[in-house]
Amino acid sequence: MSLKKTMLACGAAAAILWTGCARQSSSGKPVIGVSLLNLSSEFIVELNKAMEAEARELGVRLIVADSERSAERQVQQVENFVAQKVDAIILNPCEVEASSPAVDKALAAGIPVINVNSETRSAPTAFVGSHDEEAGRLAMEFIAGRLNGAGNVVIMQGFLGQAAQIERDQGAHEVLARYPGMKVLAQRAADWDRAKSMSLMENWIQSYGDRINAVFAHNDEMGMGAVLALEQAGRKKNVIVASVDAIADALQAVGDGRLDATVFQDAAGQGKTAVETALKIVRKQPYDKQVFIPFRLITKDHMLVRGTIASRGLAGLTPTWKIL
């Protein structure tokens, strides 16, 4: 059973178990603790910006902590939130398994948990994010189309054990299974990191040379690292690169013809909805236990002229390009 199916089966029970009362600050504002995966990631920065903006709009106080990719630190942060008696916790999990105790501890203390962007084995009160398998499928279908169903691919994975890494891998391999002419030369984790992915791509270029026809990177930070390594080696024109998130410089690179495709993940929509959902739970109002925001493939065909602003849904992420 997939993680999301498990959550669908368990989410309602977790929501019923929560019976905590609001613990509003002395200012009268609801207080929400937020533990984020890593604020050195542009996508997570955008996610946080959206949460902060929505919190100001709704009169909510956020206490934001950066777990710096450490599930152990994330559990400690949630323990601190419990001690502070916050009204709700928004968790951007580091890992499926190792971040689950954070959910368990909060729910045991009667504090609702909203997982945003990524999942845990333990079912939270609510989940806001996207189907990561879809991102993997969209990117690999694009690559398969460009290669006419035959060629060699290398895959840059995110932090091993995180839901996005597991599920983007799953989606990509579902597509590869339908194209017997496509082979995976190598796949390895670069931990969502641009510098690590650049080094990994350099190693792959040395190992496989002209045999590499395409790169699928689980996020844009790694995709941009791959592009830089290929450009420095003078090989980019012969290699297709697709990645996920549609961060600003990845969109710029798509518009400039350097990155072949990115899959847009709506950080602003996820952050906004997570805060809205948390406040509804605190106020005991009806809320959706599962909110899935669709991914969208972006190629140069979707890009218009420089100097325009993104269309609704991408505003704030693309200051120099418009998306059709």
C-alpha atoms as a PDB file:
ATOM      1  CA  MET A   1       0.000   0.000   0.000  1.00  0.00           C
ATOM      2  CA  SER A   2       1.400   3.448  -0.923  1.00  0.00           C
ATOM      3  CA  LEU A   3       2.068   6.140   1.656  1.00  0.00           C
ATOM      4  CA  LYS A   4      -0.848   8.242   0.422  1.00  0.00           C
ATOM      5  CA  LYS A   5      -3.275   5.312   0.511  1.00  0.00           C
ATOM      6  CA  THR A   6      -2.149   4.572   4.053  1.00  0.00           C
ATOM      7  CA  MET A   7      -2.734   8.212   4.984  1.00  0.00           C
ATOM      8  CA  LEU A   8      -6.200   8.166   3.459  1.00  0.00           C
ATOM      9  CA  ALA A   9      -7.030   5.139   5.574  1.00  0.00           C
ATOM     10  CA  CYS A  10      -5.579   6.609   8.776  1.00  0.00           C
ATOM     11  CA  GLY A  11      -6.078  10.363   8.417  1.00  0.00           C
ATOM     12  CA  ALA A  12      -9.663  10.449   9.628  1.00  0.00           C
ATOM     13  CA  ALA A  13      -8.824   8.435  12.733  1.00  0.00           C
ATOM     14  CA  ALA A  14      -5.939  10.761  13.570  1.00  0.00           C
ATOM     15  CA  ALA A  15      -8.173  13.793  13.190  1.00  0.00           C
ATOM     16  CA  ILE A  16     -10.813  12.287  15.503  1.00  0.00           C
ATOM     17  CA  LEU A  17      -8.173  11.554  18.148  1.00  0.00           C
ATOM     18  CA  TRP A  18      -7.264  15.237  18.394  1.00  0.00           C
ATOM     19  CA  THR A  19      -9.271  16.889  21.142  1.00  0.00           C
ATOM     20  CA  GLY A  20      -6.935  19.699  22.254  1.00  0.00           C
ATOM     21  CA  CYS A  21      -8.127  23.191  23.050  1.00  0.00           C
ATOM     22  CA  ALA A  22      -6.694  26.354  21.524  1.00  0.00           C
ATOM     23  CA  ARG A  23      -3.767  27.814  23.412  1.00  0.00           C
ATOM     24  CA  GLN A  24      -3.730  31.364  22.110  1.00  0.00           C
ATOM     25  CA  SER A  25      -0.890  33.775  22.884  1.00  0.00           C
ATOM     26  CA  SER A  26      -1.276  36.738  25.235  1.00  0.00           C
ATOM     27  CA  SER A  27      -2.004  38.865  22.159  1.00  0.00           C
ATOM     28  CA  GLY A  28      -5.050  36.707  21.450  1.00  0.00           C
ATOM     29  CA  LYS A  29      -3.550  35.331  18.222  1.00  0.00           C
ATOM     30  CA  PRO A  30      -3.451  31.586  17.609  1.00  0.00           C
ATOM     31  CA  VAL A  31       0.125  30.303  17.755  1.00  0.00           C
ATOM     32  CA  ILE A  32       1.369  27.752  15.210  1.00  0.00           C
ATOM     33  CA  GLY A  33       4.760  26.072  15.421  1.00  0.00           C
ATOM     34  CA  VAL A  34       6.422  25.366  12.074  1.00  0.00           C
ATOM     35  CA  SER A  35       9.300  22.913  11.571  1.00  0.00           C
ATOM     36  CA  LEU A  36      10.811  23.116   8.091  1.00  0.00           C
ATOM     37  CA  LEU A  37      13.057  20.682   6.251  1.00  0.00           C
ATOM     38  CA  ASN A  38      15.791  23.114   5.265  1.00  0.00           C
ATOM     39  CA  LEU A  39      15.733  26.891   4.757  1.00  0.00           C
ATOM     40  CA  SER A  40      18.762  26.748   2.472  1.00  0.00           C
ATOM     41  CA  SER A  41      16.450  25.291  -0.199  1.00  0.00           C
ATOM     42  CA  GLU A  42      14.793  27.884  -2.423  1.00  0.00           C
ATOM     43  CA  PHE A  43      11.572  25.894  -2.587  1.00  0.00           C
ATOM     44  CA  ILE A  44      11.326  25.696   1.213  1.00  0.00           C
ATOM     45  CA  VAL A  45      12.071  29.420   1.437  1.00  0.00           C
ATOM     46  CA  GLU A  46       9.121  30.091  -0.891  1.00  0.00           C
ATOM     47  CA  LEU A  47       6.948  27.723   1.135  1.00  0.00           C
ATOM     48  CA  ASN A  48       7.840  29.625   4.302  1.00  0.00           C
ATOM     49  CA  LYS A  49       7.221  33.020   2.680  1.00  0.00           C
ATOM     50  CA  ALA A  50       3.724  31.912   1.702  1.00  0.00           C
ATOM     51  CA  MET A  51       3.002  30.690   5.231  1.00  0.00           C
ATOM     52  CA  GLU A  52       4.258  33.924   6.785  1.00  0.00           C
ATOM     53  CA  ALA A  53       2.155  36.015   4.389  1.00  0.00           C
ATOM     54  CA  GLU A  54      -0.996  33.997   5.063  1.00  0.00           C
ATOM     55  CA  ALA A  55      -0.372  34.112   8.817  1.00  0.00           C
ATOM     56  CA  ARG A  56      -0.193  37.927   8.697  1.00  0.00           C
ATOM     57  CA  GLU A  57      -3.388  38.004   6.654  1.00  0.00           C
ATOM     58  CA  LEU A  58      -5.263  35.741   9.081  1.00  0.00           C
ATOM     59  CA  GLY A  59      -3.865  37.162  12.320  1.00  0.00           C
ATOM     60  CA  VAL A  60      -1.860  34.082  13.244  1.00  0.00           C
ATOM     61  CA  ARG A  61       1.524  33.993  14.987  1.00  0.00           C
ATOM     62  CA  LEU A  62       4.063  31.555  13.556  1.00  0.00           C
ATOM     63  CA  ILE A  63       7.099  30.192  15.387  1.00  0.00           C
ATOM     64  CA  VAL A  64       9.374  28.931  12.594  1.00  0.00           C
ATOM     65  CA  ALA A  65      12.263  26.490  13.118  1.00  0.00           C
ATOM     66  CA  ASP A  66      14.722  25.139  10.542  1.00  0.00           C
ATOM     67  CA  SER A  67      15.517  21.455  11.078  1.00  0.00           C
ATOM     68  CA  GLU A  68      18.456  21.636   8.631  1.00  0.00           C
ATOM     69  CA  ARG A  69      17.565  18.211   7.209  1.00  0.00           C
ATOM     70  CA  SER A  70      17.880  16.512  10.599  1.00  0.00           C
ATOM     71  CA  ALA A  71      14.897  14.388  11.620  1.00  0.00           C
ATOM     72  CA  GLU A  72      16.324  14.201  15.147  1.00  0.00           C
ATOM     73  CA  ARG A  73      16.418  17.997  15.341  1.00  0.00           C
ATOM     74  CA  GLN A  74      12.889  18.141  13.929  1.00  0.00           C
ATOM     75  CA  VAL A  75      11.577  15.875  16.690  1.00  0.00           C
ATOM     76  CA  GLN A  76      13.276  18.107  19.257  1.00  0.00           C
ATOM     77  CA  GLN A  77      11.668  21.187  17.712  1.00  0.00           C
ATOM     78  CA  VAL A  78       8.236  19.612  17.965  1.00  0.00           C
ATOM     79  CA  GLU A  79       8.934  18.685  21.583  1.00  0.00           C
ATOM     80  CA  ASN A  80       9.707  22.384  22.183  1.00  0.00           C
ATOM     81  CA  PHE A  81       6.449  23.391  20.496  1.00  0.00           C
ATOM     82  CA  VAL A  82       4.589  20.970  22.744  1.00  0.00           C
ATOM     83  CA  ALA A  83       6.286  22.493  25.798  1.00  0.00           C
ATOM     84  CA  GLN A  84       5.266  25.967  24.576  1.00  0.00           C
ATOM     85  CA  LYS A  85       1.676  24.724  24.213  1.00  0.00           C
ATOM     86  CA  VAL A  86       1.212  26.016  20.675  1.00  0.00           C
ATOM     87  CA  ASP A  87      -2.247  25.707  19.136  1.00  0.00           C
ATOM     88  CA  ALA A  88      -1.114  23.668  16.114  1.00  0.00           C
ATOM     89  CA  ILE A  89       2.025  22.441  14.395  1.00  0.00           C
ATOM     90  CA  ILE A  90       2.854  22.569  10.686  1.00  0.00           C
ATOM     91  CA  LEU A  91       5.460  19.919   9.885  1.00  0.00           C
ATOM     92  CA  ASN A  92       7.524  19.848   6.698  1.00  0.00           C
ATOM     93  CA  PRO A  93       8.984  16.374   7.352  1.00  0.00           C
ATOM     94  CA  CYS A  94      12.633  15.471   6.882  1.00  0.00           C
ATOM     95  CA  GLU A  95      11.964  11.738   6.557  1.00  0.00           C
ATOM     96  CA  VAL A  96       9.022   9.372   6.309  1.00  0.00           C
ATOM     97  CA  GLU A  97      10.094   7.190   9.233  1.00  0.00           C
ATOM     98  CA  ALA A  98      12.457   9.266  11.349  1.00  0.00           C
ATOM     99  CA  SER A  99      10.132  12.303  11.493  1.00  0.00           C
ATOM    100  CA  SER A 100       7.124  10.213  12.512  1.00  0.00           C
ATOM    101  CA  PRO A 101       7.855  10.487  16.265  1.00  0.00           C
ATOM    102  CA  ALA A 102       7.321  14.242  15.916  1.00  0.00           C
ATOM    103  CA  VAL A 103       3.764  13.603  14.738  1.00  0.00           C
ATOM    104  CA  ASP A 104       3.168  11.028  17.469  1.00  0.00           C
ATOM    105  CA  LYS A 105       4.407  13.329  20.257  1.00  0.00           C
ATOM    106  CA  ALA A 106       2.287  16.270  19.122  1.00  0.00           C
ATOM    107  CA  LEU A 107      -0.899  14.248  18.738  1.00  0.00           C
ATOM    108  CA  ALA A 108      -0.325  12.587  22.114  1.00  0.00           C
ATOM    109  CA  ALA A 109      -0.187  16.080  23.635  1.00  0.00           C
ATOM    110  CA  GLY A 110      -3.495  17.004  21.988  1.00  0.00           C
ATOM    111  CA  ILE A 111      -1.912  19.335  19.416  1.00  0.00           C
ATOM    112  CA  PRO A 112      -3.031  18.939  15.779  1.00  0.00           C
ATOM    113  CA  VAL A 113      -0.350  18.403  13.124  1.00  0.00           C
ATOM    114  CA  ILE A 114      -0.555  19.508   9.505  1.00  0.00           C
ATOM    115  CA  ASN A 115       2.071  17.887   7.297  1.00  0.00           C
ATOM    116  CA  VAL A 116       2.985  20.091   4.358  1.00  0.00           C
ATOM    117  CA  ASN A 117       4.758  19.079   1.137  1.00  0.00           C
ATOM    118  CA  SER A 118       6.035  15.739   2.454  1.00  0.00           C
ATOM    119  CA  GLU A 119       4.732  12.791   4.430  1.00  0.00           C
ATOM    120  CA  THR A 120       5.378  10.676   7.495  1.00  0.00           C
ATOM    121  CA  ARG A 121       4.458   7.106   8.293  1.00  0.00           C
ATOM    122  CA  SER A 122       2.415   8.386  11.238  1.00  0.00           C
ATOM    123  CA  ALA A 123      -0.817   9.950  10.016  1.00  0.00           C
ATOM    124  CA  PRO A 124      -1.126  13.659  10.861  1.00  0.00           C
ATOM    125  CA  THR A 125      -4.359  15.532  11.472  1.00  0.00           C
ATOM    126  CA  ALA A 126      -4.232  16.867   7.906  1.00  0.00           C
ATOM    127  CA  PHE A 127      -1.935  16.836   4.868  1.00  0.00           C
ATOM    128  CA  VAL A 128      -1.303  19.574   2.280  1.00  0.00           C
ATOM    129  CA  GLY A 129       0.941  18.847  -0.670  1.00  0.00           C
ATOM    130  CA  SER A 130       1.093  17.199  -4.068  1.00  0.00           C
ATOM    131  CA  HIS A 131       1.239  13.687  -5.487  1.00  0.00           C
ATOM    132  CA  ASP A 132       5.012  13.337  -5.928  1.00  0.00           C
ATOM    133  CA  GLU A 133       4.593  10.299  -8.171  1.00  0.00           C
ATOM    134  CA  GLU A 134       2.976  12.697 -10.648  1.00  0.00           C
ATOM    135  CA  ALA A 135       6.123  14.852 -10.759  1.00  0.00           C
ATOM    136  CA  GLY A 136       8.259  11.822 -11.538  1.00  0.00           C
ATOM    137  CA  ARG A 137       5.864  10.678 -14.243  1.00  0.00           C
ATOM    138  CA  LEU A 138       5.632  14.115 -15.896  1.00  0.00           C
ATOM    139  CA  ALA A 139       9.394  14.598 -16.004  1.00  0.00           C
ATOM    140  CA  MET A 140      10.160  11.097 -17.288  1.00  0.00           C
ATOM    141  CA  GLU A 141       7.367  11.206 -19.884  1.00  0.00           C
ATOM    142  CA  PHE A 142       8.919  14.427 -21.168  1.00  0.00           C
ATOM    143  CA  ILE A 143      12.330  12.778 -21.366  1.00  0.00           C
ATOM    144  CA  ALA A 144      10.893   9.689 -23.088  1.00  0.00           C
ATOM    145  CA  GLY A 145       9.189  11.911 -25.648  1.00  0.00           C
ATOM    146  CA  ARG A 146      12.367  13.821 -26.402  1.00  0.00           C
ATOM    147  CA  LEU A 147      14.338  10.566 -26.753  1.00  0.00           C
ATOM    148  CA  ASN A 148      11.622   8.869 -28.826  1.00  0.00           C
ATOM    149  CA  GLY A 149      11.460   6.127 -26.220  1.00  0.00           C
ATOM    150  CA  ALA A 150      15.098   5.017 -26.455  1.00  0.00           C
ATOM    151  CA  GLY A 151      18.192   6.205 -24.606  1.00  0.00           C
ATOM    152  CA  ASN A 152      20.203   6.201 -21.401  1.00  0.00           C
ATOM    153  CA  VAL A 153      19.119   8.140 -18.326  1.00  0.00           C
ATOM    154  CA  VAL A 154      20.818   9.015 -15.053  1.00  0.00           C
ATOM    155  CA  ILE A 155      18.671   9.889 -12.033  1.00  0.00           C
ATOM    156  CA  MET A 156      19.633  12.303  -9.248  1.00  0.00           C
ATOM    157  CA  GLN A 157      17.691  11.424  -6.124  1.00  0.00           C
ATOM    158  CA  GLY A 158      16.709  13.603  -3.212  1.00  0.00           C
ATOM    159  CA  PHE A 159      17.508  12.872   0.419  1.00  0.00           C
ATOM    160  CA  LEU A 160      16.977   9.102   0.751  1.00  0.00           C
ATOM    161  CA  GLY A 161      14.006   8.179   2.903  1.00  0.00           C
ATOM    162  CA  GLN A 162      12.055  11.381   2.323  1.00  0.00           C
ATOM    163  CA  ALA A 163       8.605  10.918   0.777  1.00  0.00           C
ATOM    164  CA  ALA A 164       9.352  13.112  -2.250  1.00  0.00           C
ATOM    165  CA  GLN A 165      12.456  11.072  -3.066  1.00  0.00           C
ATOM    166  CA  ILE A 166      10.621   7.764  -2.724  1.00  0.00           C
ATOM    167  CA  GLU A 167       7.584   8.800  -4.737  1.00  0.00           C
ATOM    168  CA  ARG A 168       9.338  10.771  -7.504  1.00  0.00           C
ATOM    169  CA  ASP A 169      11.503   7.699  -8.019  1.00  0.00           C
ATOM    170  CA  GLN A 170       8.383   5.549  -8.148  1.00  0.00           C
ATOM    171  CA  GLY A 171       6.682   7.768 -10.749  1.00  0.00           C
ATOM    172  CA  ALA A 172       9.782   7.912 -12.940  1.00  0.00           C
ATOM    173  CA  HIS A 173      10.261   4.144 -12.872  1.00  0.00           C
ATOM    174  CA  GLU A 174       6.581   3.576 -13.694  1.00  0.00           C
ATOM    175  CA  VAL A 175       7.205   5.451 -16.948  1.00  0.00           C
ATOM    176  CA  LEU A 176      10.524   3.723 -17.632  1.00  0.00           C
ATOM    177  CA  ALA A 177       8.793   0.346 -17.324  1.00  0.00           C
ATOM    178  CA  ARG A 178       6.706   1.257 -20.380  1.00  0.00           C
ATOM    179  CA  TYR A 179       9.754   2.072 -22.511  1.00  0.00           C
ATOM    180  CA  PRO A 180      12.035  -0.980 -22.868  1.00  0.00           C
ATOM    181  CA  GLY A 181      14.395   1.092 -25.024  1.00  0.00           C
ATOM    182  CA  MET A 182      15.210   3.382 -22.094  1.00  0.00           C
ATOM    183  CA  LYS A 183      17.870   2.326 -19.606  1.00  0.00           C
ATOM    184  CA  VAL A 184      18.995   3.761 -16.268  1.00  0.00           C
ATOM    185  CA  LEU A 185      22.780   4.015 -16.322  1.00  0.00           C
ATOM    186  CA  ALA A 186      22.998   5.193 -12.709  1.00  0.00           C
ATOM    187  CA  GLN A 187      20.953   6.671  -9.908  1.00  0.00           C
ATOM    188  CA  ARG A 188      22.300   8.205  -6.723  1.00  0.00           C
ATOM    189  CA  ALA A 189      21.279  10.676  -4.032  1.00  0.00           C
ATOM    190  CA  ALA A 190      22.583  14.244  -4.196  1.00  0.00           C
ATOM    191  CA  ASP A 191      20.417  15.275  -1.210  1.00  0.00           C
ATOM    192  CA  TRP A 192      18.485  18.064  -3.006  1.00  0.00           C
ATOM    193  CA  ASP A 193      21.788  20.000  -3.143  1.00  0.00           C
ATOM    194  CA  ARG A 194      23.189  21.916  -6.148  1.00  0.00           C
ATOM    195  CA  ALA A 195      26.873  21.573  -5.273  1.00  0.00           C
ATOM    196  CA  LYS A 196      26.535  17.834  -4.569  1.00  0.00           C
ATOM    197  CA  SER A 197      24.661  17.269  -7.819  1.00  0.00           C
ATOM    198  CA  MET A 198      27.278  19.163  -9.809  1.00  0.00           C
ATOM    199  CA  SER A 199      30.008  16.932  -8.371  1.00  0.00           C
ATOM    200  CA  LEU A 200      27.909  13.824  -9.034  1.00  0.00           C
ATOM    201  CA  MET A 201      27.290  14.867 -12.638  1.00  0.00           C
ATOM    202  CA  GLU A 202      31.008  15.462 -13.161  1.00  0.00           C
ATOM    203  CA  ASN A 203      31.685  11.922 -11.944  1.00  0.00           C
ATOM    204  CA  TRP A 204      29.022  10.492 -14.238  1.00  0.00           C
ATOM    205  CA  ILE A 205      30.424  12.378 -17.208  1.00  0.00           C
ATOM    206  CA  GLN A 206      33.821  10.819 -16.511  1.00  0.00           C
ATOM    207  CA  SER A 207      32.285   7.354 -16.094  1.00  0.00           C
ATOM    208  CA  TYR A 208      29.754   7.301 -18.930  1.00  0.00           C
ATOM    209  CA  GLY A 209      30.689  10.130 -21.298  1.00  0.00           C
ATOM    210  CA  ASP A 210      28.563  10.255 -24.450  1.00  0.00           C
ATOM    211  CA  ARG A 211      26.411   7.338 -23.268  1.00  0.00           C
ATOM    212  CA  ILE A 212      24.348   9.763 -21.137  1.00  0.00           C
ATOM    213  CA  ASN A 213      21.320  10.986 -23.086  1.00  0.00           C
ATOM    214  CA  ALA A 214      19.226  12.491 -20.279  1.00  0.00           C
ATOM    215  CA  VAL A 215      19.177  13.466 -16.612  1.00  0.00           C
ATOM    216  CA  PHE A 216      16.163  13.385 -14.316  1.00  0.00           C
ATOM    217  CA  ALA A 217      16.812  15.315 -11.112  1.00  0.00           C
ATOM    218  CA  HIS A 218      14.302  15.066  -8.263  1.00  0.00           C
ATOM    219  CA  ASN A 219      14.478  18.848  -7.747  1.00  0.00           C
ATOM    220  CA  ASP A 220      15.675  21.969  -9.533  1.00  0.00           C
ATOM    221  CA  GLU A 221      18.636  22.566  -7.250  1.00  0.00           C
ATOM    222  CA  MET A 222      20.079  19.260  -8.459  1.00  0.00           C
ATOM    223  CA  GLY A 223      18.885  19.863 -12.005  1.00  0.00           C
ATOM    224  CA  MET A 224      20.754  23.164 -12.139  1.00  0.00           C
ATOM    225  CA  GLY A 225      23.881  21.475 -10.749  1.00  0.00           C
ATOM    226  CA  ALA A 226      23.657  18.914 -13.552  1.00  0.00           C
ATOM    227  CA  VAL A 227      23.240  21.662 -16.158  1.00  0.00           C
ATOM    228  CA  LEU A 228      26.302  23.533 -14.877  1.00  0.00           C
ATOM    229  CA  ALA A 229      28.463  20.400 -14.948  1.00  0.00           C
ATOM    230  CA  LEU A 230      27.307  19.493 -18.448  1.00  0.00           C
ATOM    231  CA  GLU A 231      27.899  23.031 -19.702  1.00  0.00           C
ATOM    232  CA  GLN A 232      31.404  23.112 -18.267  1.00  0.00           C
ATOM    233  CA  ALA A 233      32.140  19.784 -19.951  1.00  0.00           C
ATOM    234  CA  GLY A 234      30.737  21.057 -23.258  1.00  0.00           C
ATOM    235  CA  ARG A 235      28.105  18.304 -23.329  1.00  0.00           C
ATOM    236  CA  LYS A 236      24.811  20.023 -22.470  1.00  0.00           C
ATOM    237  CA  LYS A 237      23.593  20.291 -26.084  1.00  0.00           C
ATOM    238  CA  ASN A 238      23.594  16.493 -26.281  1.00  0.00           C
ATOM    239  CA  VAL A 239      21.891  15.796 -22.941  1.00  0.00           C
ATOM    240  CA  ILE A 240      18.278  16.482 -21.902  1.00  0.00           C
ATOM    241  CA  VAL A 241      17.806  17.643 -18.300  1.00  0.00           C
ATOM    242  CA  ALA A 242      14.435  17.734 -16.506  1.00  0.00           C
ATOM    243  CA  SER A 243      13.839  18.504 -12.832  1.00  0.00           C
ATOM    244  CA  VAL A 244      11.121  19.470 -10.350  1.00  0.00           C
ATOM    245  CA  ASP A 245       9.876  22.559  -8.457  1.00  0.00           C
ATOM    246  CA  ALA A 246       9.993  25.501 -10.926  1.00  0.00           C
ATOM    247  CA  ILE A 247      12.152  27.676  -8.685  1.00  0.00           C
ATOM    248  CA  ALA A 248      13.029  31.098 -10.132  1.00  0.00           C
ATOM    249  CA  ASP A 249      16.441  30.365 -11.623  1.00  0.00           C
ATOM    250  CA  ALA A 250      15.253  27.036 -13.032  1.00  0.00           C
ATOM    251  CA  LEU A 251      12.448  28.846 -14.847  1.00  0.00           C
ATOM    252  CA  GLN A 252      14.998  31.367 -16.075  1.00  0.00           C
ATOM    253  CA  ALA A 253      17.147  28.490 -17.319  1.00  0.00           C
ATOM    254  CA  VAL A 254      14.155  26.932 -19.109  1.00  0.00           C
ATOM    255  CA  GLY A 255      13.391  30.257 -20.761  1.00  0.00           C
ATOM    256  CA  ASP A 256      17.022  30.603 -21.808  1.00  0.00           C
ATOM    257  CA  GLY A 257      17.086  27.075 -23.235  1.00  0.00           C
ATOM    258  CA  ARG A 258      19.626  25.733 -20.712  1.00  0.00           C
ATOM    259  CA  LEU A 259      17.276  23.513 -18.656  1.00  0.00           C
ATOM    260  CA  ASP A 260      14.919  21.500 -20.856  1.00  0.00           C
ATOM    261  CA  ALA A 261      11.972  21.225 -18.441  1.00  0.00           C
ATOM    262  CA  THR A 262      10.897  21.708 -14.861  1.00  0.00           C
ATOM    263  CA  VAL A 263       7.777  20.454 -13.129  1.00  0.00           C
ATOM    264  CA  PHE A 264       6.013  23.268 -11.300  1.00  0.00           C
ATOM    265  CA  GLN A 265       5.192  22.546  -7.673  1.00  0.00           C
ATOM    266  CA  ASP A 266       3.077  25.237  -6.053  1.00  0.00           C
ATOM    267  CA  ALA A 267       5.035  26.252  -2.934  1.00  0.00           C
ATOM    268  CA  ALA A 268       2.825  29.311  -2.448  1.00  0.00           C
ATOM    269  CA  GLY A 269      -0.371  27.274  -2.680  1.00  0.00           C
ATOM    270  CA  GLN A 270       0.903  24.625  -0.284  1.00  0.00           C
ATOM    271  CA  GLY A 271       2.095  27.148   2.305  1.00  0.00           C
ATOM    272  CA  LYS A 272      -1.071  29.219   2.181  1.00  0.00           C
ATOM    273  CA  THR A 273      -3.339  26.177   2.433  1.00  0.00           C
ATOM    274  CA  ALA A 274      -1.354  24.692   5.327  1.00  0.00           C
ATOM    275  CA  VAL A 275      -1.873  27.813   7.446  1.00  0.00           C
ATOM    276  CA  GLU A 276      -5.541  28.054   6.450  1.00  0.00           C
ATOM    277  CA  THR A 277      -6.058  24.394   7.394  1.00  0.00           C
ATOM    278  CA  ALA A 278      -4.281  24.784  10.730  1.00  0.00           C
ATOM    279  CA  LEU A 279      -6.443  27.764  11.666  1.00  0.00           C
ATOM    280  CA  LYS A 280      -9.641  25.934  10.718  1.00  0.00           C
ATOM    281  CA  ILE A 281      -8.656  23.039  12.968  1.00  0.00           C
ATOM    282  CA  VAL A 282      -7.806  25.359  15.866  1.00  0.00           C
ATOM    283  CA  ARG A 283     -11.175  27.082  15.451  1.00  0.00           C
ATOM    284  CA  LYS A 284     -12.937  23.722  15.159  1.00  0.00           C
ATOM    285  CA  GLN A 285     -14.225  24.570  11.695  1.00  0.00           C
ATOM    286  CA  PRO A 286     -14.704  22.057   8.855  1.00  0.00           C
ATOM    287  CA  TYR A 287     -11.461  21.324   6.965  1.00  0.00           C
ATOM    288  CA  ASP A 288     -10.122  18.984   4.292  1.00  0.00           C
ATOM    289  CA  LYS A 289      -7.984  16.219   5.737  1.00  0.00           C
ATOM    290  CA  GLN A 290      -6.181  15.789   2.399  1.00  0.00           C
ATOM    291  CA  VAL A 291      -5.387  18.631  -0.035  1.00  0.00           C
ATOM    292  CA  PHE A 292      -3.441  17.706  -3.170  1.00  0.00           C
ATOM    293  CA  ILE A 293      -2.269  20.513  -5.461  1.00  0.00           C
ATOM    294  CA  PRO A 294      -1.457  19.375  -9.040  1.00  0.00           C
ATOM    295  CA  PHE A 295       1.999  19.499 -10.610  1.00  0.00           C
ATOM    296  CA  ARG A 296       2.493  21.045 -14.043  1.00  0.00           C
ATOM    297  CA  LEU A 297       5.199  20.478 -16.665  1.00  0.00           C
ATOM    298  CA  ILE A 298       6.949  23.671 -17.806  1.00  0.00           C
ATOM    299  CA  THR A 299       9.053  23.778 -21.000  1.00  0.00           C
ATOM    300  CA  LYS A 300      10.282  26.658 -23.145  1.00  0.00           C
ATOM    301  CA  ASP A 301       7.027  26.371 -25.123  1.00  0.00           C
ATOM    302  CA  HIS A 302       5.238  27.676 -22.011  1.00  0.00           C
ATOM    303  CA  MET A 303       7.489  30.717 -21.629  1.00  0.00           C
ATOM    304  CA  LEU A 304       6.614  34.150 -23.021  1.00  0.00           C
ATOM    305  CA  VAL A 305       8.663  37.342 -23.185  1.00  0.00           C
ATOM    306  CA  ARG A 306      11.069  38.623 -20.549  1.00  0.00           C
ATOM    307  CA  GLY A 307       9.980  41.414 -18.232  1.00  0.00           C
ATOM    308  CA  THR A 308       6.497  40.054 -17.550  1.00  0.00           C
ATOM    309  CA  ILE A 309       5.139  38.584 -14.352  1.00  0.00           C
ATOM    310  CA  ALA A 310       3.958  35.045 -13.826  1.00  0.00           C
ATOM    311  CA  SER A 311       0.327  34.189 -14.256  1.00  0.00           C
ATOM    312  CA  ARG A 312      -1.820  33.472 -11.202  1.00  0.00           C
ATOM    313  CA  GLY A 313      -0.469  30.505  -9.285  1.00  0.00           C
ATOM    314  CA  LEU A 314       3.155  31.216 -10.211  1.00  0.00           C
ATOM    315  CA  ALA A 315       3.284  34.831  -9.026  1.00  0.00           C
ATOM    316  CA  GLY A 316       6.280  35.563  -6.853  1.00  0.00           C
ATOM    317  CA  LEU A 317       8.313  32.698  -8.306  1.00  0.00           C
ATOM    318  CA  THR A 318       8.956  33.955 -11.821  1.00  0.00           C
ATOM    319  CA  PRO A 319       9.834  37.664 -11.902  1.00  0.00           C
ATOM    320  CA  THR A 320      11.191  37.665 -15.462  1.00  0.00           C
ATOM    321  CA  TRP A 321       8.999  35.223 -17.362  1.00  0.00           C
ATOM    322  CA  LYS A 322       5.333  34.625 -17.923  1.00  0.00           C
ATOM    323  CA  ILE A 323       3.907  31.109 -17.979  1.00  0.00           C
ATOM    324  CA  LEU A 324       1.174  30.243 -20.444  1.00  0.00           C
END
